[in-house]
Amino acid sequence: MYTERQVRETIALCLDIMGRYYNAGQNPRSYTMMVAETQVMAGGVMELGLRFEEIDAQILRPVGSKLLDRFGHELGSRLCAEFLKAFDDLSITPSGMLEQSFVTHRGRGLRNS
């Protein structure tokens, strides 16, 4: 079972990943690092035992909202889309099986709110 502290720390780590990506100039190398780090986070999130709806509500939406607050509508929206794509590209089920896309399981995402 997860704790509120784990959720807050996960959000903070996701924001750190995206901040480093932005500060590095959003080049191919920093993009590759951002995707790899985000996918590690996606695997860790799956291990928290949250349902897909909880991941969307408690992690993905807050990360998106904070990116918009921090970077403004235009850049924040783009960074949010890149984060969600990286998060969605590789998802691991609690049993450890690879899923093709997290988005297909959560039904609707931040982009469809």
N, C-alpha and C. Protein backbone atom coordinates (compact mmCIF):
# COMPACT_ATOMS: atom_id res chain seq x y z
N MET A 1 0.84 -1.19 0.00
CA MET A 1 0.00 0.00 0.00
C MET A 1 0.88 1.24 0.00
N TYR A 2 0.42 2.27 -0.60
CA TYR A 2 1.18 3.50 -0.72
C TYR A 2 0.84 4.47 0.42
N THR A 3 1.73 5.42 0.61
CA THR A 3 1.48 6.48 1.59
C THR A 3 1.41 7.82 0.85
N GLU A 4 0.82 8.78 1.50
CA GLU A 4 0.74 10.12 0.93
C GLU A 4 2.15 10.67 0.68
N ARG A 5 3.07 10.33 1.55
CA ARG A 5 4.45 10.79 1.40
C ARG A 5 5.06 10.22 0.11
N GLN A 6 4.81 8.94 -0.18
CA GLN A 6 5.33 8.34 -1.41
C GLN A 6 4.78 9.05 -2.64
N VAL A 7 3.51 9.38 -2.59
CA VAL A 7 2.89 10.08 -3.72
C VAL A 7 3.53 11.45 -3.90
N ARG A 8 3.69 12.21 -2.81
CA ARG A 8 4.32 13.54 -2.89
C ARG A 8 5.74 13.46 -3.42
N GLU A 9 6.50 12.47 -2.93
CA GLU A 9 7.88 12.29 -3.39
C GLU A 9 7.93 11.92 -4.87
N THR A 10 6.99 11.10 -5.31
CA THR A 10 6.94 10.71 -6.71
C THR A 10 6.66 11.93 -7.59
N ILE A 11 5.71 12.75 -7.18
CA ILE A 11 5.40 13.97 -7.93
C ILE A 11 6.64 14.86 -8.00
N ALA A 12 7.31 15.04 -6.87
CA ALA A 12 8.51 15.89 -6.82
C ALA A 12 9.60 15.34 -7.73
N LEU A 13 9.80 14.04 -7.74
CA LEU A 13 10.82 13.43 -8.61
C LEU A 13 10.46 13.62 -10.08
N CYS A 14 9.20 13.47 -10.42
CA CYS A 14 8.76 13.69 -11.81
C CYS A 14 9.02 15.12 -12.24
N LEU A 15 8.74 16.06 -11.35
CA LEU A 15 8.99 17.47 -11.66
C LEU A 15 10.48 17.75 -11.79
N ASP A 16 11.30 17.10 -10.96
CA ASP A 16 12.75 17.24 -11.07
C ASP A 16 13.25 16.73 -12.43
N ILE A 17 12.72 15.58 -12.85
CA ILE A 17 13.11 15.02 -14.15
C ILE A 17 12.81 16.02 -15.26
N MET A 18 11.60 16.57 -15.25
CA MET A 18 11.21 17.49 -16.30
C MET A 18 11.99 18.81 -16.20
N GLY A 19 12.29 19.25 -14.99
CA GLY A 19 13.10 20.46 -14.82
C GLY A 19 14.51 20.28 -15.36
N ARG A 20 15.12 19.13 -15.10
CA ARG A 20 16.45 18.85 -15.63
C ARG A 20 16.42 18.80 -17.16
N TYR A 21 15.38 18.20 -17.70
CA TYR A 21 15.23 18.12 -19.16
C TYR A 21 15.14 19.53 -19.75
N TYR A 22 14.33 20.37 -19.17
CA TYR A 22 14.18 21.74 -19.66
C TYR A 22 15.50 22.52 -19.52
N ASN A 23 16.13 22.41 -18.36
CA ASN A 23 17.37 23.16 -18.11
C ASN A 23 18.53 22.68 -18.99
N ALA A 24 18.49 21.45 -19.45
CA ALA A 24 19.55 20.91 -20.31
C ALA A 24 19.38 21.35 -21.76
N GLY A 25 18.33 22.05 -22.06
CA GLY A 25 18.14 22.56 -23.41
C GLY A 25 17.30 21.68 -24.30
N GLN A 26 16.67 20.66 -23.75
CA GLN A 26 15.76 19.80 -24.50
C GLN A 26 16.39 19.28 -25.78
N ASN A 27 17.59 18.77 -25.68
CA ASN A 27 18.30 18.22 -26.82
C ASN A 27 18.11 16.71 -26.87
N PRO A 28 18.57 16.04 -27.92
CA PRO A 28 18.36 14.59 -28.03
C PRO A 28 18.89 13.80 -26.83
N ARG A 29 20.04 14.17 -26.31
CA ARG A 29 20.61 13.46 -25.16
C ARG A 29 19.74 13.66 -23.91
N SER A 30 19.33 14.89 -23.66
CA SER A 30 18.51 15.14 -22.47
C SER A 30 17.12 14.51 -22.63
N TYR A 31 16.63 14.45 -23.87
CA TYR A 31 15.34 13.78 -24.11
C TYR A 31 15.44 12.30 -23.78
N THR A 32 16.51 11.66 -24.23
CA THR A 32 16.71 10.24 -23.94
C THR A 32 16.80 10.00 -22.44
N MET A 33 17.50 10.87 -21.73
CA MET A 33 17.60 10.74 -20.27
C MET A 33 16.24 10.94 -19.61
N MET A 34 15.49 11.94 -20.06
CA MET A 34 14.16 12.20 -19.50
C MET A 34 13.25 11.01 -19.70
N VAL A 35 13.26 10.43 -20.89
CA VAL A 35 12.40 9.27 -21.16
C VAL A 35 12.80 8.10 -20.27
N ALA A 36 14.09 7.84 -20.16
CA ALA A 36 14.56 6.72 -19.33
C ALA A 36 14.17 6.92 -17.86
N GLU A 37 14.40 8.12 -17.35
CA GLU A 37 14.06 8.40 -15.94
C GLU A 37 12.56 8.33 -15.71
N THR A 38 11.79 8.84 -16.66
CA THR A 38 10.33 8.81 -16.51
C THR A 38 9.82 7.37 -16.55
N GLN A 39 10.41 6.55 -17.39
CA GLN A 39 9.98 5.16 -17.45
C GLN A 39 10.35 4.40 -16.18
N VAL A 40 11.46 4.73 -15.57
CA VAL A 40 11.80 4.15 -14.26
C VAL A 40 10.76 4.57 -13.24
N MET A 41 10.35 5.84 -13.30
CA MET A 41 9.31 6.33 -12.38
C MET A 41 8.00 5.58 -12.62
N ALA A 42 7.66 5.34 -13.88
CA ALA A 42 6.42 4.62 -14.20
C ALA A 42 6.45 3.23 -13.57
N GLY A 43 7.59 2.57 -13.66
CA GLY A 43 7.73 1.25 -13.03
C GLY A 43 7.58 1.33 -11.53
N GLY A 44 8.17 2.34 -10.92
CA GLY A 44 8.04 2.53 -9.48
C GLY A 44 6.62 2.84 -9.06
N VAL A 45 5.93 3.62 -9.86
CA VAL A 45 4.54 3.97 -9.56
C VAL A 45 3.68 2.70 -9.57
N MET A 46 3.93 1.83 -10.53
CA MET A 46 3.16 0.59 -10.60
C MET A 46 3.34 -0.25 -9.34
N GLU A 47 4.51 -0.16 -8.75
CA GLU A 47 4.79 -0.94 -7.54
C GLU A 47 4.13 -0.35 -6.29
N LEU A 48 3.60 0.86 -6.37
CA LEU A 48 2.92 1.46 -5.22
C LEU A 48 1.59 0.78 -4.91
N GLY A 49 1.07 0.05 -5.88
CA GLY A 49 -0.21 -0.62 -5.67
C GLY A 49 -1.42 0.23 -5.97
N LEU A 50 -1.22 1.32 -6.68
CA LEU A 50 -2.33 2.19 -7.05
C LEU A 50 -3.06 1.63 -8.26
N ARG A 51 -4.37 1.85 -8.30
CA ARG A 51 -5.14 1.52 -9.50
C ARG A 51 -4.83 2.57 -10.56
N PHE A 52 -5.11 2.25 -11.82
CA PHE A 52 -4.80 3.17 -12.91
C PHE A 52 -5.48 4.52 -12.72
N GLU A 53 -6.73 4.52 -12.24
CA GLU A 53 -7.45 5.77 -12.01
C GLU A 53 -6.76 6.59 -10.91
N GLU A 54 -6.22 5.92 -9.90
CA GLU A 54 -5.52 6.62 -8.82
C GLU A 54 -4.21 7.22 -9.32
N ILE A 55 -3.51 6.51 -10.18
CA ILE A 55 -2.27 7.04 -10.75
C ILE A 55 -2.57 8.32 -11.52
N ASP A 56 -3.62 8.28 -12.31
CA ASP A 56 -4.00 9.46 -13.09
C ASP A 56 -4.35 10.62 -12.17
N ALA A 57 -5.19 10.36 -11.18
CA ALA A 57 -5.67 11.43 -10.29
C ALA A 57 -4.61 11.92 -9.30
N GLN A 58 -3.79 11.02 -8.78
CA GLN A 58 -2.89 11.39 -7.69
C GLN A 58 -1.47 11.70 -8.14
N ILE A 59 -1.11 11.29 -9.35
CA ILE A 59 0.27 11.55 -9.80
C ILE A 59 0.29 12.30 -11.12
N LEU A 60 -0.32 11.76 -12.15
CA LEU A 60 -0.20 12.37 -13.48
C LEU A 60 -0.85 13.75 -13.56
N ARG A 61 -2.05 13.89 -13.04
CA ARG A 61 -2.71 15.21 -13.09
C ARG A 61 -1.96 16.25 -12.25
N PRO A 62 -1.53 15.92 -11.01
CA PRO A 62 -0.76 16.91 -10.26
C PRO A 62 0.55 17.30 -10.94
N VAL A 63 1.25 16.33 -11.55
CA VAL A 63 2.48 16.66 -12.27
C VAL A 63 2.15 17.62 -13.41
N GLY A 64 1.11 17.32 -14.18
CA GLY A 64 0.72 18.20 -15.28
C GLY A 64 0.37 19.59 -14.81
N SER A 65 -0.39 19.66 -13.73
CA SER A 65 -0.80 20.96 -13.19
C SER A 65 0.41 21.78 -12.73
N LYS A 66 1.33 21.12 -12.05
CA LYS A 66 2.52 21.83 -11.56
C LYS A 66 3.45 22.25 -12.70
N LEU A 67 3.51 21.45 -13.77
CA LEU A 67 4.29 21.86 -14.94
C LEU A 67 3.68 23.11 -15.56
N LEU A 68 2.35 23.17 -15.65
CA LEU A 68 1.68 24.36 -16.17
C LEU A 68 1.95 25.57 -15.28
N ASP A 69 1.88 25.38 -13.96
CA ASP A 69 2.15 26.48 -13.03
C ASP A 69 3.58 26.98 -13.16
N ARG A 70 4.51 26.06 -13.27
CA ARG A 70 5.93 26.40 -13.27
C ARG A 70 6.39 27.00 -14.60
N PHE A 71 5.90 26.47 -15.72
CA PHE A 71 6.42 26.85 -17.03
C PHE A 71 5.45 27.64 -17.89
N GLY A 72 4.24 27.87 -17.41
CA GLY A 72 3.26 28.59 -18.20
C GLY A 72 2.52 27.67 -19.15
N HIS A 73 1.48 28.20 -19.78
CA HIS A 73 0.58 27.37 -20.58
C HIS A 73 1.28 26.73 -21.78
N GLU A 74 1.99 27.52 -22.58
CA GLU A 74 2.57 26.98 -23.82
C GLU A 74 3.67 25.95 -23.53
N LEU A 75 4.69 26.34 -22.80
CA LEU A 75 5.80 25.42 -22.51
C LEU A 75 5.36 24.32 -21.56
N GLY A 76 4.57 24.66 -20.55
CA GLY A 76 4.10 23.66 -19.60
C GLY A 76 3.26 22.58 -20.26
N SER A 77 2.42 22.97 -21.21
CA SER A 77 1.60 21.99 -21.95
C SER A 77 2.48 21.06 -22.77
N ARG A 78 3.50 21.61 -23.39
CA ARG A 78 4.39 20.79 -24.20
C ARG A 78 5.19 19.83 -23.33
N LEU A 79 5.72 20.34 -22.22
CA LEU A 79 6.47 19.47 -21.30
C LEU A 79 5.57 18.39 -20.71
N CYS A 80 4.34 18.76 -20.40
CA CYS A 80 3.38 17.79 -19.87
C CYS A 80 3.11 16.69 -20.88
N ALA A 81 2.93 17.06 -22.13
CA ALA A 81 2.69 16.07 -23.19
C ALA A 81 3.89 15.15 -23.35
N GLU A 82 5.09 15.70 -23.28
CA GLU A 82 6.29 14.88 -23.39
C GLU A 82 6.42 13.94 -22.19
N PHE A 83 6.09 14.43 -21.00
CA PHE A 83 6.13 13.59 -19.81
C PHE A 83 5.13 12.44 -19.92
N LEU A 84 3.89 12.76 -20.31
CA LEU A 84 2.87 11.72 -20.44
C LEU A 84 3.24 10.69 -21.50
N LYS A 85 3.80 11.14 -22.61
CA LYS A 85 4.22 10.20 -23.65
C LYS A 85 5.30 9.27 -23.11
N ALA A 86 6.28 9.82 -22.42
CA ALA A 86 7.35 8.99 -21.86
C ALA A 86 6.79 8.03 -20.82
N PHE A 87 5.88 8.50 -19.98
CA PHE A 87 5.27 7.66 -18.95
C PHE A 87 4.43 6.57 -19.59
N ASP A 88 3.72 6.91 -20.66
CA ASP A 88 2.82 5.97 -21.34
C ASP A 88 3.57 4.93 -22.18
N ASP A 89 4.75 5.27 -22.68
CA ASP A 89 5.45 4.38 -23.59
C ASP A 89 5.82 3.04 -22.98
N LEU A 90 6.08 3.01 -21.71
CA LEU A 90 6.42 1.74 -21.07
C LEU A 90 5.77 1.71 -19.71
N SER A 91 4.86 0.81 -19.52
CA SER A 91 4.23 0.64 -18.23
C SER A 91 4.38 -0.81 -17.81
N ILE A 92 4.54 -1.00 -16.53
CA ILE A 92 4.72 -2.33 -15.99
C ILE A 92 3.56 -2.62 -15.05
N THR A 93 2.91 -3.74 -15.23
CA THR A 93 1.81 -4.12 -14.36
C THR A 93 2.38 -4.53 -13.00
N PRO A 94 1.56 -4.57 -11.95
CA PRO A 94 2.05 -5.00 -10.66
C PRO A 94 2.68 -6.40 -10.69
N SER A 95 2.27 -7.24 -11.63
CA SER A 95 2.86 -8.58 -11.73
C SER A 95 4.19 -8.56 -12.47
N GLY A 96 4.60 -7.40 -12.99
CA GLY A 96 5.86 -7.28 -13.68
C GLY A 96 5.77 -7.46 -15.19
N MET A 97 4.58 -7.71 -15.71
CA MET A 97 4.41 -7.89 -17.15
C MET A 97 4.42 -6.52 -17.84
N LEU A 98 5.10 -6.43 -18.95
CA LEU A 98 5.14 -5.18 -19.69
C LEU A 98 3.81 -4.95 -20.38
N GLU A 99 3.34 -3.74 -20.34
CA GLU A 99 2.11 -3.34 -21.02
C GLU A 99 2.52 -2.47 -22.20
N GLN A 100 1.74 -2.49 -23.25
CA GLN A 100 2.06 -1.70 -24.42
C GLN A 100 1.91 -0.20 -24.14
N SER A 101 0.83 0.18 -23.49
CA SER A 101 0.63 1.58 -23.20
C SER A 101 -0.28 1.75 -22.00
N PHE A 102 0.17 2.55 -21.06
CA PHE A 102 -0.61 2.84 -19.86
C PHE A 102 -1.91 3.54 -20.23
N VAL A 103 -1.85 4.39 -21.25
CA VAL A 103 -3.02 5.18 -21.67
C VAL A 103 -4.19 4.28 -22.06
N THR A 104 -3.92 3.12 -22.63
CA THR A 104 -5.01 2.26 -23.03
C THR A 104 -5.75 1.69 -21.83
N HIS A 105 -5.11 1.70 -20.67
CA HIS A 105 -5.73 1.15 -19.48
C HIS A 105 -6.41 2.20 -18.61
N ARG A 106 -5.96 3.43 -18.68
CA ARG A 106 -6.56 4.43 -17.80
C ARG A 106 -7.73 5.13 -18.46
N GLY A 107 -7.98 4.80 -19.71
CA GLY A 107 -9.18 5.34 -20.34
C GLY A 107 -9.04 6.76 -20.83
N ARG A 108 -8.85 7.65 -19.94
CA ARG A 108 -8.68 9.05 -20.32
C ARG A 108 -7.52 9.61 -19.52
N GLY A 109 -6.85 10.54 -20.10
CA GLY A 109 -5.68 11.10 -19.44
C GLY A 109 -5.83 12.59 -19.24
N LEU A 110 -4.77 13.18 -18.81
CA LEU A 110 -4.75 14.62 -18.56
C LEU A 110 -5.13 15.38 -19.83
N ARG A 111 -4.72 14.83 -20.98
CA ARG A 111 -5.01 15.50 -22.24
C ARG A 111 -6.49 15.57 -22.54
N ASN A 112 -7.28 14.67 -21.96
CA ASN A 112 -8.72 14.62 -22.27
C ASN A 112 -9.58 15.21 -21.16
N SER A 113 -9.00 15.96 -20.25
CA SER A 113 -9.80 16.50 -19.14
C SER A 113 -10.59 17.70 -19.57
